[in-house]
N, C-alpha and C. Protein backbone atom coordinates (compact mmCIF):
# COMPACT_ATOMS: atom_id res chain seq x y z
N UNK A 1 127.54 61.03 18.19
CA UNK A 1 126.43 61.44 19.05
C UNK A 1 126.94 62.39 20.13
N UNK A 2 126.04 63.13 20.71
CA UNK A 2 126.34 64.05 21.80
C UNK A 2 125.17 64.00 22.77
N UNK A 3 125.51 64.06 24.07
CA UNK A 3 124.43 64.17 25.05
C UNK A 3 124.94 64.95 26.26
N UNK A 4 124.01 65.50 27.02
CA UNK A 4 124.34 66.25 28.23
C UNK A 4 124.11 65.35 29.45
N UNK A 5 125.16 65.10 30.24
CA UNK A 5 124.99 64.25 31.43
C UNK A 5 123.92 64.80 32.36
N UNK A 6 123.16 63.88 32.94
CA UNK A 6 122.12 64.27 33.88
C UNK A 6 120.77 64.44 33.25
N UNK A 7 120.71 64.50 31.92
CA UNK A 7 119.43 64.69 31.25
C UNK A 7 118.89 63.40 30.65
N UNK A 8 119.66 62.31 30.81
CA UNK A 8 119.21 60.99 30.35
C UNK A 8 118.75 61.01 28.88
N UNK A 9 119.46 61.76 28.06
CA UNK A 9 119.05 61.82 26.66
C UNK A 9 120.08 61.20 25.73
N UNK A 10 120.89 60.26 26.26
CA UNK A 10 121.88 59.61 25.39
C UNK A 10 121.25 58.58 24.48
N UNK A 11 120.04 58.13 24.81
CA UNK A 11 119.32 57.21 23.94
C UNK A 11 119.85 55.79 23.93
N UNK A 12 120.78 55.48 24.81
CA UNK A 12 121.36 54.14 24.88
C UNK A 12 120.71 53.35 26.01
N UNK A 13 120.78 52.02 25.96
CA UNK A 13 120.15 51.22 27.01
C UNK A 13 120.73 51.47 28.40
N UNK A 14 122.04 51.82 28.45
CA UNK A 14 122.69 52.06 29.73
C UNK A 14 123.61 53.26 29.60
N UNK A 15 123.84 53.95 30.71
CA UNK A 15 124.73 55.11 30.73
C UNK A 15 126.15 54.67 30.34
N UNK A 16 126.75 55.28 29.31
CA UNK A 16 128.07 54.83 28.84
C UNK A 16 129.25 55.42 29.60
N UNK A 17 129.01 56.31 30.57
CA UNK A 17 130.12 57.06 31.17
C UNK A 17 131.22 56.16 31.73
N UNK A 18 130.85 55.14 32.50
CA UNK A 18 131.87 54.28 33.11
C UNK A 18 132.62 53.46 32.07
N UNK A 19 131.97 53.19 30.95
CA UNK A 19 132.66 52.47 29.87
C UNK A 19 133.66 53.38 29.16
N UNK A 20 133.38 54.68 29.16
CA UNK A 20 134.29 55.64 28.53
C UNK A 20 135.55 55.80 29.36
N UNK A 21 135.36 56.02 30.66
CA UNK A 21 136.50 56.22 31.56
C UNK A 21 136.93 54.85 32.08
N UNK A 22 137.72 54.16 31.28
CA UNK A 22 138.12 52.80 31.62
C UNK A 22 139.40 52.46 30.87
N UNK A 23 140.16 51.49 31.33
CA UNK A 23 139.92 50.70 32.54
C UNK A 23 140.28 51.48 33.80
N UNK A 24 139.62 51.15 34.90
CA UNK A 24 139.89 51.80 36.17
C UNK A 24 140.43 50.78 37.16
N UNK A 25 141.52 51.10 37.86
CA UNK A 25 142.01 50.17 38.88
C UNK A 25 141.00 50.02 40.00
N UNK A 26 141.11 48.96 40.73
CA UNK A 26 140.15 48.66 41.80
C UNK A 26 140.85 48.73 43.15
N UNK A 27 140.31 49.56 44.03
CA UNK A 27 140.79 49.61 45.42
C UNK A 27 139.92 48.64 46.23
N UNK A 28 140.51 47.58 46.69
CA UNK A 28 139.81 46.63 47.56
C UNK A 28 140.12 47.08 48.98
N UNK A 29 139.20 47.84 49.57
CA UNK A 29 139.49 48.59 50.79
C UNK A 29 139.05 47.82 52.03
N UNK A 30 140.00 47.60 52.93
CA UNK A 30 139.68 46.98 54.21
C UNK A 30 139.75 48.03 55.31
N UNK A 31 138.74 47.98 56.19
CA UNK A 31 138.66 48.90 57.32
C UNK A 31 138.22 48.12 58.55
N UNK A 32 138.26 48.78 59.69
CA UNK A 32 137.79 48.18 60.93
C UNK A 32 137.19 49.29 61.79
N UNK A 33 136.09 48.98 62.50
CA UNK A 33 135.52 50.00 63.38
C UNK A 33 136.16 49.91 64.76
N UNK A 34 135.76 50.78 65.66
CA UNK A 34 136.39 50.82 66.99
C UNK A 34 136.06 49.60 67.83
N UNK A 35 135.04 48.85 67.42
CA UNK A 35 134.71 47.61 68.12
C UNK A 35 135.47 46.41 67.56
N UNK A 36 136.23 46.63 66.51
CA UNK A 36 137.04 45.57 65.93
C UNK A 36 136.39 44.80 64.80
N UNK A 37 135.21 45.25 64.34
CA UNK A 37 134.53 44.57 63.24
C UNK A 37 135.13 45.01 61.91
N UNK A 38 135.53 44.05 61.11
CA UNK A 38 136.20 44.34 59.83
C UNK A 38 135.21 44.47 58.69
N UNK A 39 135.59 45.25 57.70
CA UNK A 39 134.81 45.42 56.48
C UNK A 39 135.78 45.38 55.30
N UNK A 40 135.30 44.83 54.19
CA UNK A 40 136.11 44.75 52.98
C UNK A 40 135.20 44.99 51.79
N UNK A 41 135.56 45.97 50.94
CA UNK A 41 134.71 46.31 49.80
C UNK A 41 135.55 46.88 48.66
N UNK A 42 135.17 46.59 47.40
CA UNK A 42 135.90 47.12 46.25
C UNK A 42 135.31 48.45 45.75
N UNK A 43 136.20 49.32 45.27
CA UNK A 43 135.80 50.61 44.72
C UNK A 43 136.60 50.87 43.45
N UNK A 44 135.91 51.20 42.36
CA UNK A 44 136.62 51.39 41.10
C UNK A 44 136.88 52.86 40.77
N UNK A 45 136.40 53.79 41.59
CA UNK A 45 136.84 55.17 41.47
C UNK A 45 138.07 55.30 42.36
N UNK A 46 139.23 54.98 41.81
CA UNK A 46 140.45 54.84 42.60
C UNK A 46 141.66 55.17 41.76
N UNK A 47 142.64 55.85 42.37
CA UNK A 47 143.91 56.07 41.68
C UNK A 47 144.94 56.65 42.63
N UNK A 48 146.20 56.70 42.15
CA UNK A 48 147.28 57.34 42.88
C UNK A 48 147.29 58.83 42.57
N UNK A 49 147.69 59.64 43.55
CA UNK A 49 147.70 61.09 43.38
C UNK A 49 149.10 61.68 43.46
N UNK A 50 150.00 61.02 44.15
CA UNK A 50 151.32 61.58 44.40
C UNK A 50 152.24 60.44 44.80
N UNK A 51 153.56 60.66 44.72
CA UNK A 51 154.46 59.60 45.16
C UNK A 51 155.45 60.04 46.24
N UNK A 52 155.54 61.36 46.51
CA UNK A 52 156.42 61.83 47.58
C UNK A 52 155.72 62.91 48.38
N UNK A 53 154.96 62.57 49.39
CA UNK A 53 154.72 61.20 49.89
C UNK A 53 153.70 60.48 49.00
N UNK A 54 153.70 59.15 49.05
CA UNK A 54 152.70 58.42 48.25
C UNK A 54 151.29 58.67 48.79
N UNK A 55 150.40 59.05 47.89
CA UNK A 55 149.02 59.34 48.27
C UNK A 55 148.08 58.73 47.24
N UNK A 56 146.93 58.30 47.72
CA UNK A 56 145.93 57.66 46.88
C UNK A 56 144.56 58.24 47.20
N UNK A 57 143.63 58.01 46.32
CA UNK A 57 142.25 58.42 46.59
C UNK A 57 141.30 57.35 46.08
N UNK A 58 140.17 57.22 46.74
CA UNK A 58 139.07 56.43 46.21
C UNK A 58 137.78 57.11 46.63
N UNK A 59 136.69 56.79 45.93
CA UNK A 59 135.42 57.50 46.15
C UNK A 59 134.28 56.53 46.44
N UNK A 60 133.89 56.40 47.70
CA UNK A 60 132.64 55.69 48.00
C UNK A 60 131.46 56.59 47.69
N UNK A 61 130.40 56.02 47.15
CA UNK A 61 129.22 56.82 46.87
C UNK A 61 127.96 56.04 47.19
N UNK A 62 126.85 56.73 47.22
CA UNK A 62 125.58 56.09 47.53
C UNK A 62 125.33 56.02 49.03
N UNK A 63 124.20 55.44 49.36
CA UNK A 63 123.78 55.35 50.76
C UNK A 63 123.55 53.89 51.15
N UNK A 64 123.42 53.67 52.46
CA UNK A 64 123.17 52.34 53.00
C UNK A 64 122.21 52.50 54.16
N UNK A 65 121.11 51.76 54.19
CA UNK A 65 120.07 52.00 55.19
C UNK A 65 120.54 51.94 56.63
N UNK A 66 121.52 51.06 56.93
CA UNK A 66 121.92 50.89 58.33
C UNK A 66 123.18 51.67 58.70
N UNK A 67 123.61 52.60 57.83
CA UNK A 67 124.82 53.38 58.11
C UNK A 67 124.56 54.84 57.78
N UNK A 68 124.67 55.71 58.77
CA UNK A 68 124.38 57.13 58.57
C UNK A 68 125.37 57.78 57.63
N UNK A 69 126.60 57.28 57.61
CA UNK A 69 127.65 57.90 56.79
C UNK A 69 127.73 57.31 55.39
N UNK A 70 126.71 56.63 54.93
CA UNK A 70 126.73 56.02 53.61
C UNK A 70 127.26 54.61 53.69
N UNK A 71 128.37 54.33 53.03
CA UNK A 71 128.93 52.99 53.02
C UNK A 71 129.68 52.71 54.34
N UNK A 72 129.72 51.43 54.73
CA UNK A 72 130.44 51.05 55.94
C UNK A 72 131.90 51.46 55.87
N UNK A 73 132.48 51.38 54.68
CA UNK A 73 133.88 51.75 54.52
C UNK A 73 134.12 53.18 54.96
N UNK A 74 133.31 54.10 54.48
CA UNK A 74 133.46 55.51 54.85
C UNK A 74 133.22 55.70 56.34
N UNK A 75 132.20 55.06 56.87
CA UNK A 75 131.90 55.20 58.29
C UNK A 75 133.09 54.78 59.16
N UNK A 76 133.71 53.67 58.79
CA UNK A 76 134.85 53.18 59.57
C UNK A 76 136.05 54.11 59.45
N UNK A 77 136.28 54.65 58.26
CA UNK A 77 137.42 55.55 58.08
C UNK A 77 137.22 56.84 58.87
N UNK A 78 136.00 57.37 58.86
CA UNK A 78 135.73 58.58 59.64
C UNK A 78 135.89 58.32 61.13
N UNK A 79 135.62 57.09 61.56
CA UNK A 79 135.72 56.74 62.98
C UNK A 79 137.16 56.52 63.42
N UNK A 80 137.98 55.93 62.54
CA UNK A 80 139.34 55.54 62.94
C UNK A 80 140.45 56.30 62.23
N UNK A 81 140.16 56.85 61.04
CA UNK A 81 141.18 57.56 60.29
C UNK A 81 142.14 56.66 59.54
N UNK A 82 141.80 55.37 59.39
CA UNK A 82 142.72 54.42 58.76
C UNK A 82 142.00 53.52 57.76
N UNK A 83 142.75 53.07 56.75
CA UNK A 83 142.23 52.08 55.82
C UNK A 83 143.38 51.42 55.09
N UNK A 84 143.09 50.30 54.46
CA UNK A 84 144.09 49.56 53.70
C UNK A 84 143.54 49.30 52.30
N UNK A 85 144.36 49.55 51.29
CA UNK A 85 143.98 49.24 49.91
C UNK A 85 144.73 48.00 49.47
N UNK A 86 143.97 46.97 49.12
CA UNK A 86 144.51 45.73 48.61
C UNK A 86 144.35 45.72 47.10
N UNK A 87 145.43 45.47 46.37
CA UNK A 87 145.35 45.41 44.92
C UNK A 87 144.79 44.06 44.50
N UNK A 88 143.88 44.05 43.54
CA UNK A 88 143.16 42.84 43.16
C UNK A 88 143.82 42.15 41.98
N UNK A 89 144.26 40.92 42.19
CA UNK A 89 144.79 40.09 41.11
C UNK A 89 143.64 39.41 40.37
N UNK A 90 143.85 39.08 39.13
CA UNK A 90 142.82 38.39 38.35
C UNK A 90 142.33 37.13 39.06
N UNK A 91 143.24 36.40 39.68
CA UNK A 91 142.88 35.17 40.36
C UNK A 91 142.01 35.38 41.59
N UNK A 92 141.85 36.64 42.04
CA UNK A 92 141.04 36.95 43.23
C UNK A 92 139.70 37.54 42.85
N UNK A 93 139.36 37.50 41.57
CA UNK A 93 138.16 38.20 41.09
C UNK A 93 136.88 37.71 41.75
N UNK A 94 136.75 36.41 41.98
CA UNK A 94 135.51 35.89 42.57
C UNK A 94 135.36 36.34 44.02
N UNK A 95 136.46 36.31 44.77
CA UNK A 95 136.41 36.77 46.16
C UNK A 95 136.09 38.26 46.22
N UNK A 96 136.69 39.04 45.32
CA UNK A 96 136.39 40.46 45.26
C UNK A 96 134.92 40.69 44.98
N UNK A 97 134.37 39.92 44.05
CA UNK A 97 132.97 40.09 43.69
C UNK A 97 132.04 39.74 44.85
N UNK A 98 132.38 38.70 45.59
CA UNK A 98 131.58 38.33 46.77
C UNK A 98 131.57 39.48 47.77
N UNK A 99 132.71 40.11 47.95
CA UNK A 99 132.80 41.19 48.95
C UNK A 99 132.06 42.45 48.51
N UNK A 100 131.63 42.52 47.26
CA UNK A 100 130.93 43.71 46.77
C UNK A 100 129.45 43.70 47.10
N UNK A 101 128.95 42.63 47.71
CA UNK A 101 127.53 42.53 48.02
C UNK A 101 127.07 43.57 49.04
N UNK A 102 125.78 43.84 49.05
CA UNK A 102 125.20 44.80 49.99
C UNK A 102 124.82 44.04 51.27
N UNK A 103 125.77 43.94 52.18
CA UNK A 103 125.57 43.20 53.42
C UNK A 103 125.30 44.13 54.59
N UNK A 104 124.73 43.57 55.64
CA UNK A 104 124.53 44.31 56.88
C UNK A 104 125.88 44.71 57.46
N UNK A 105 125.89 45.78 58.22
CA UNK A 105 127.14 46.28 58.79
C UNK A 105 127.84 45.26 59.68
N UNK A 106 127.09 44.31 60.23
CA UNK A 106 127.67 43.31 61.12
C UNK A 106 128.39 42.19 60.37
N UNK A 107 128.27 42.16 59.06
CA UNK A 107 128.88 41.09 58.26
C UNK A 107 130.35 41.42 57.99
N UNK A 108 131.23 40.46 58.24
CA UNK A 108 132.65 40.59 57.93
C UNK A 108 132.88 39.97 56.55
N UNK A 109 133.17 40.81 55.56
CA UNK A 109 133.33 40.32 54.18
C UNK A 109 134.55 39.44 54.01
N UNK A 110 135.55 39.56 54.86
CA UNK A 110 136.67 38.62 54.83
C UNK A 110 136.14 37.20 55.03
N UNK A 111 135.30 37.05 56.05
CA UNK A 111 134.73 35.73 56.34
C UNK A 111 133.79 35.29 55.23
N UNK A 112 132.95 36.20 54.74
CA UNK A 112 131.98 35.85 53.71
C UNK A 112 132.68 35.36 52.44
N UNK A 113 133.81 35.98 52.11
CA UNK A 113 134.54 35.62 50.89
C UNK A 113 135.61 34.55 51.12
N UNK A 114 135.75 34.09 52.37
CA UNK A 114 136.74 33.05 52.67
C UNK A 114 138.17 33.52 52.55
N UNK A 115 138.44 34.76 52.97
CA UNK A 115 139.76 35.35 52.85
C UNK A 115 140.48 35.39 54.19
N UNK A 116 141.79 35.20 54.13
CA UNK A 116 142.61 35.25 55.34
C UNK A 116 143.05 36.68 55.61
N UNK A 117 143.02 37.08 56.88
CA UNK A 117 143.45 38.42 57.27
C UNK A 117 144.93 38.42 57.62
N UNK A 118 145.62 39.45 57.16
CA UNK A 118 147.01 39.67 57.54
C UNK A 118 147.10 40.86 58.47
N UNK A 119 148.09 40.87 59.36
CA UNK A 119 148.23 41.95 60.32
C UNK A 119 149.04 43.09 59.72
N UNK A 120 148.44 44.24 59.61
CA UNK A 120 149.12 45.41 59.08
C UNK A 120 150.19 45.89 60.06
N UNK A 121 151.16 46.64 59.54
CA UNK A 121 152.28 47.09 60.35
C UNK A 121 152.10 48.50 60.91
N UNK A 122 151.34 49.36 60.21
CA UNK A 122 151.25 50.76 60.63
C UNK A 122 149.83 51.21 60.96
N UNK A 123 148.83 50.41 60.62
CA UNK A 123 147.43 50.76 60.88
C UNK A 123 146.70 49.55 61.43
N UNK A 124 145.50 49.75 61.95
CA UNK A 124 144.75 48.67 62.57
C UNK A 124 144.04 47.74 61.59
N UNK A 125 143.47 48.24 60.48
CA UNK A 125 142.74 47.33 59.59
C UNK A 125 143.65 46.24 59.03
N UNK A 126 143.14 45.01 58.92
CA UNK A 126 143.94 43.93 58.34
C UNK A 126 144.00 44.06 56.82
N UNK A 127 144.89 43.30 56.23
CA UNK A 127 144.98 43.26 54.77
C UNK A 127 144.61 41.87 54.27
N UNK A 128 144.40 41.76 52.98
CA UNK A 128 144.04 40.49 52.35
C UNK A 128 145.32 39.70 52.08
N UNK A 129 145.48 38.59 52.78
CA UNK A 129 146.63 37.74 52.54
C UNK A 129 146.56 37.20 51.12
N UNK A 130 147.65 37.29 50.41
CA UNK A 130 147.68 36.84 49.02
C UNK A 130 147.55 37.96 48.02
N UNK A 131 147.15 39.15 48.47
CA UNK A 131 147.08 40.29 47.54
C UNK A 131 148.49 40.61 47.05
N UNK A 132 148.65 40.92 45.77
CA UNK A 132 149.99 41.19 45.24
C UNK A 132 150.64 42.43 45.83
N UNK A 133 149.84 43.41 46.20
CA UNK A 133 150.36 44.62 46.83
C UNK A 133 149.31 45.17 47.78
N UNK A 134 149.79 45.78 48.84
CA UNK A 134 148.91 46.31 49.88
C UNK A 134 149.42 47.69 50.29
N UNK A 135 148.52 48.65 50.41
CA UNK A 135 148.86 50.01 50.81
C UNK A 135 148.17 50.34 52.14
N UNK A 136 148.96 50.51 53.19
CA UNK A 136 148.42 50.89 54.49
C UNK A 136 148.31 52.41 54.54
N UNK A 137 147.10 52.94 54.77
CA UNK A 137 146.85 54.37 54.61
C UNK A 137 146.24 55.00 55.86
N UNK A 138 146.54 56.28 56.04
CA UNK A 138 145.82 57.10 57.01
C UNK A 138 145.09 58.19 56.23
N UNK A 139 143.92 58.56 56.72
CA UNK A 139 143.11 59.56 56.02
C UNK A 139 143.80 60.92 56.07
N UNK A 140 144.01 61.51 54.90
CA UNK A 140 144.56 62.86 54.80
C UNK A 140 143.44 63.89 54.75
N UNK A 141 142.46 63.61 53.91
CA UNK A 141 141.35 64.55 53.76
C UNK A 141 140.17 63.86 53.09
N UNK A 142 138.97 64.29 53.46
CA UNK A 142 137.76 63.87 52.76
C UNK A 142 137.18 65.07 52.05
N UNK A 143 136.82 64.90 50.79
CA UNK A 143 136.19 65.96 50.02
C UNK A 143 134.81 65.50 49.59
N UNK A 144 133.79 66.24 49.96
CA UNK A 144 132.42 65.89 49.58
C UNK A 144 132.18 66.29 48.13
N UNK A 145 131.59 65.39 47.37
CA UNK A 145 131.27 65.60 45.97
C UNK A 145 129.76 65.61 45.78
N UNK A 146 129.26 66.13 44.66
CA UNK A 146 127.82 66.07 44.42
C UNK A 146 127.32 64.63 44.33
N UNK A 147 126.07 64.43 44.61
CA UNK A 147 125.46 63.13 44.41
C UNK A 147 125.80 62.09 45.46
N UNK A 148 125.93 62.51 46.72
CA UNK A 148 126.21 61.57 47.82
C UNK A 148 127.48 60.76 47.56
N UNK A 149 128.53 61.46 47.14
CA UNK A 149 129.82 60.83 46.89
C UNK A 149 130.90 61.57 47.66
N UNK A 150 131.97 60.86 47.98
CA UNK A 150 133.04 61.42 48.80
C UNK A 150 134.39 60.95 48.28
N UNK A 151 135.32 61.88 48.14
CA UNK A 151 136.69 61.51 47.80
C UNK A 151 137.49 61.35 49.09
N UNK A 152 137.96 60.14 49.34
CA UNK A 152 138.77 59.87 50.51
C UNK A 152 140.23 59.86 50.07
N UNK A 153 141.00 60.82 50.53
CA UNK A 153 142.42 60.90 50.17
C UNK A 153 143.25 60.36 51.33
N UNK A 154 144.13 59.43 51.02
CA UNK A 154 144.94 58.82 52.06
C UNK A 154 146.42 58.93 51.78
N UNK A 155 147.20 59.06 52.85
CA UNK A 155 148.66 58.99 52.73
C UNK A 155 149.10 57.58 53.04
N UNK A 156 149.91 57.01 52.18
CA UNK A 156 150.36 55.63 52.34
C UNK A 156 151.50 55.60 53.36
N UNK A 157 151.30 54.84 54.43
CA UNK A 157 152.28 54.74 55.51
C UNK A 157 153.07 53.44 55.48
N UNK A 158 152.57 52.45 54.75
CA UNK A 158 153.27 51.18 54.67
C UNK A 158 152.85 50.44 53.40
N UNK A 159 153.79 49.73 52.80
CA UNK A 159 153.53 49.01 51.55
C UNK A 159 154.02 47.57 51.67
N UNK A 160 153.14 46.63 51.33
CA UNK A 160 153.50 45.22 51.24
C UNK A 160 153.57 44.84 49.77
N UNK A 161 154.61 44.14 49.37
CA UNK A 161 154.71 43.60 48.02
C UNK A 161 154.91 42.10 48.11
N UNK A 162 154.14 41.35 47.34
CA UNK A 162 154.32 39.91 47.29
C UNK A 162 155.65 39.60 46.61
N UNK A 163 156.47 38.81 47.28
CA UNK A 163 157.82 38.54 46.77
C UNK A 163 157.81 37.98 45.35
N UNK A 164 156.83 37.14 45.05
CA UNK A 164 156.78 36.51 43.73
C UNK A 164 156.51 37.51 42.62
N UNK A 165 156.05 38.70 42.98
CA UNK A 165 155.74 39.72 41.98
C UNK A 165 156.93 40.62 41.67
N UNK A 166 158.04 40.43 42.36
CA UNK A 166 159.23 41.22 42.10
C UNK A 166 160.15 40.43 41.18
N UNK A 167 160.35 40.93 39.98
CA UNK A 167 161.15 40.24 38.97
C UNK A 167 162.26 41.18 38.51
N UNK A 168 163.51 40.73 38.66
CA UNK A 168 164.67 41.54 38.28
C UNK A 168 164.63 42.94 38.90
N UNK A 169 164.20 42.97 40.16
CA UNK A 169 164.19 44.23 40.90
C UNK A 169 163.02 45.14 40.62
N UNK A 170 162.06 44.69 39.81
CA UNK A 170 160.90 45.52 39.49
C UNK A 170 159.60 44.79 39.87
N UNK A 171 158.62 45.58 40.29
CA UNK A 171 157.30 45.02 40.59
C UNK A 171 156.61 44.76 39.26
N UNK A 172 156.41 43.50 38.91
CA UNK A 172 155.96 43.07 37.59
C UNK A 172 154.47 42.72 37.63
N UNK A 173 153.64 43.58 37.05
CA UNK A 173 152.19 43.36 37.12
C UNK A 173 151.75 42.14 36.31
N UNK A 174 152.58 41.71 35.37
CA UNK A 174 152.19 40.53 34.58
C UNK A 174 152.26 39.25 35.39
N UNK A 175 152.84 39.29 36.58
CA UNK A 175 152.89 38.10 37.43
C UNK A 175 151.55 37.83 38.10
N UNK A 176 150.68 38.83 38.12
CA UNK A 176 149.38 38.63 38.78
C UNK A 176 148.20 39.17 38.00
N UNK A 177 148.45 39.94 36.92
CA UNK A 177 147.38 40.47 36.07
C UNK A 177 146.34 41.27 36.85
N UNK A 178 146.66 42.54 37.17
CA UNK A 178 145.71 43.35 37.94
C UNK A 178 144.34 43.43 37.28
N UNK A 179 143.33 43.34 38.12
CA UNK A 179 141.95 43.43 37.65
C UNK A 179 141.57 44.89 37.50
N UNK A 180 140.84 45.21 36.45
CA UNK A 180 140.39 46.58 36.20
C UNK A 180 138.90 46.58 35.89
N UNK A 181 138.26 47.68 36.23
CA UNK A 181 136.83 47.82 36.02
C UNK A 181 136.57 48.56 34.72
N UNK A 182 135.62 48.07 33.97
CA UNK A 182 135.16 48.74 32.76
C UNK A 182 133.74 49.25 33.02
N UNK A 183 132.93 49.36 32.00
CA UNK A 183 131.55 49.77 32.20
C UNK A 183 130.64 48.57 32.37
N UNK A 184 129.39 48.87 32.71
CA UNK A 184 128.37 47.83 32.81
C UNK A 184 128.80 46.76 33.83
N UNK A 185 128.78 45.49 33.47
CA UNK A 185 129.27 44.43 34.36
C UNK A 185 130.64 43.91 33.94
N UNK A 186 131.34 44.69 33.14
CA UNK A 186 132.56 44.22 32.50
C UNK A 186 133.82 44.55 33.30
N UNK A 187 134.78 43.64 33.21
CA UNK A 187 136.10 43.80 33.82
C UNK A 187 137.15 43.47 32.78
N UNK A 188 138.40 43.79 33.11
CA UNK A 188 139.52 43.42 32.28
C UNK A 188 140.70 43.07 33.18
N UNK A 189 141.73 42.46 32.59
CA UNK A 189 142.95 42.15 33.33
C UNK A 189 144.14 42.56 32.49
N UNK A 190 145.15 43.15 33.14
CA UNK A 190 146.35 43.58 32.43
C UNK A 190 147.22 42.37 32.14
N UNK A 191 147.39 42.05 30.87
CA UNK A 191 148.20 40.90 30.47
C UNK A 191 149.34 41.30 29.54
N UNK A 192 149.27 42.49 28.98
CA UNK A 192 150.29 42.94 28.03
C UNK A 192 150.86 44.27 28.50
N UNK A 193 152.17 44.39 28.48
CA UNK A 193 152.85 45.60 28.90
C UNK A 193 153.87 46.01 27.84
N UNK A 194 153.94 47.31 27.53
CA UNK A 194 154.97 47.80 26.63
C UNK A 194 155.51 49.11 27.20
N UNK A 195 156.71 49.47 26.81
CA UNK A 195 157.36 50.68 27.32
C UNK A 195 157.48 51.73 26.23
N UNK A 196 157.40 53.00 26.62
CA UNK A 196 157.62 54.12 25.72
C UNK A 196 158.57 55.09 26.40
N UNK A 197 159.63 55.48 25.69
CA UNK A 197 160.55 56.50 26.22
C UNK A 197 160.05 57.88 25.84
N UNK A 198 160.09 58.82 26.79
CA UNK A 198 159.71 60.18 26.48
C UNK A 198 160.70 60.80 25.51
N UNK A 199 160.29 61.81 24.75
CA UNK A 199 161.23 62.48 23.84
C UNK A 199 162.47 62.95 24.60
N UNK A 200 163.64 62.62 24.07
CA UNK A 200 164.89 63.00 24.70
C UNK A 200 165.43 61.98 25.68
N UNK A 201 164.65 60.95 25.97
CA UNK A 201 165.12 59.91 26.88
C UNK A 201 165.58 58.70 26.06
N UNK A 202 166.54 57.98 26.62
CA UNK A 202 167.01 56.76 25.97
C UNK A 202 166.29 55.56 26.53
């Protein structure tokens, strides 16, 4: 089959685009406003962009009635220039899902999901205690995209790794099974890992 995006002529019950581009890692983003109110929300348009310096991006999209800048996450980042990305383990899926609700700006999703806050070392927003990895970021650039979407690019200034996830000197994702987003209401978890050597490498 073939269809043109935006014309709703794919003939399927639901748009398949997110199911095609999958699995996608999840950025569980914590922010704080200048009054000290914390926010925590997951975003599946997320990935790494560079490693020297380490840089990441995620894309909040859509609008929110009580926030002029769209999502609370974006509003807080524009106000403070800082955010934290918490990597989501399979065992944290229910807490992550709770934090994805459409709550009023005054709601602290850490409290709503029963999560403990950790004190970041280089930025003000707290991190999720128990997350296998945490990236403390400062905003490098925001790029406006069509359809009320924004690419937030951050430079990573600090990294937390859970000690139990380091095996033989390597960060082992099979110790926590990172959660990934698929299409529709579907998720997956990384449970199997294999290695491939590039041509010419041993």
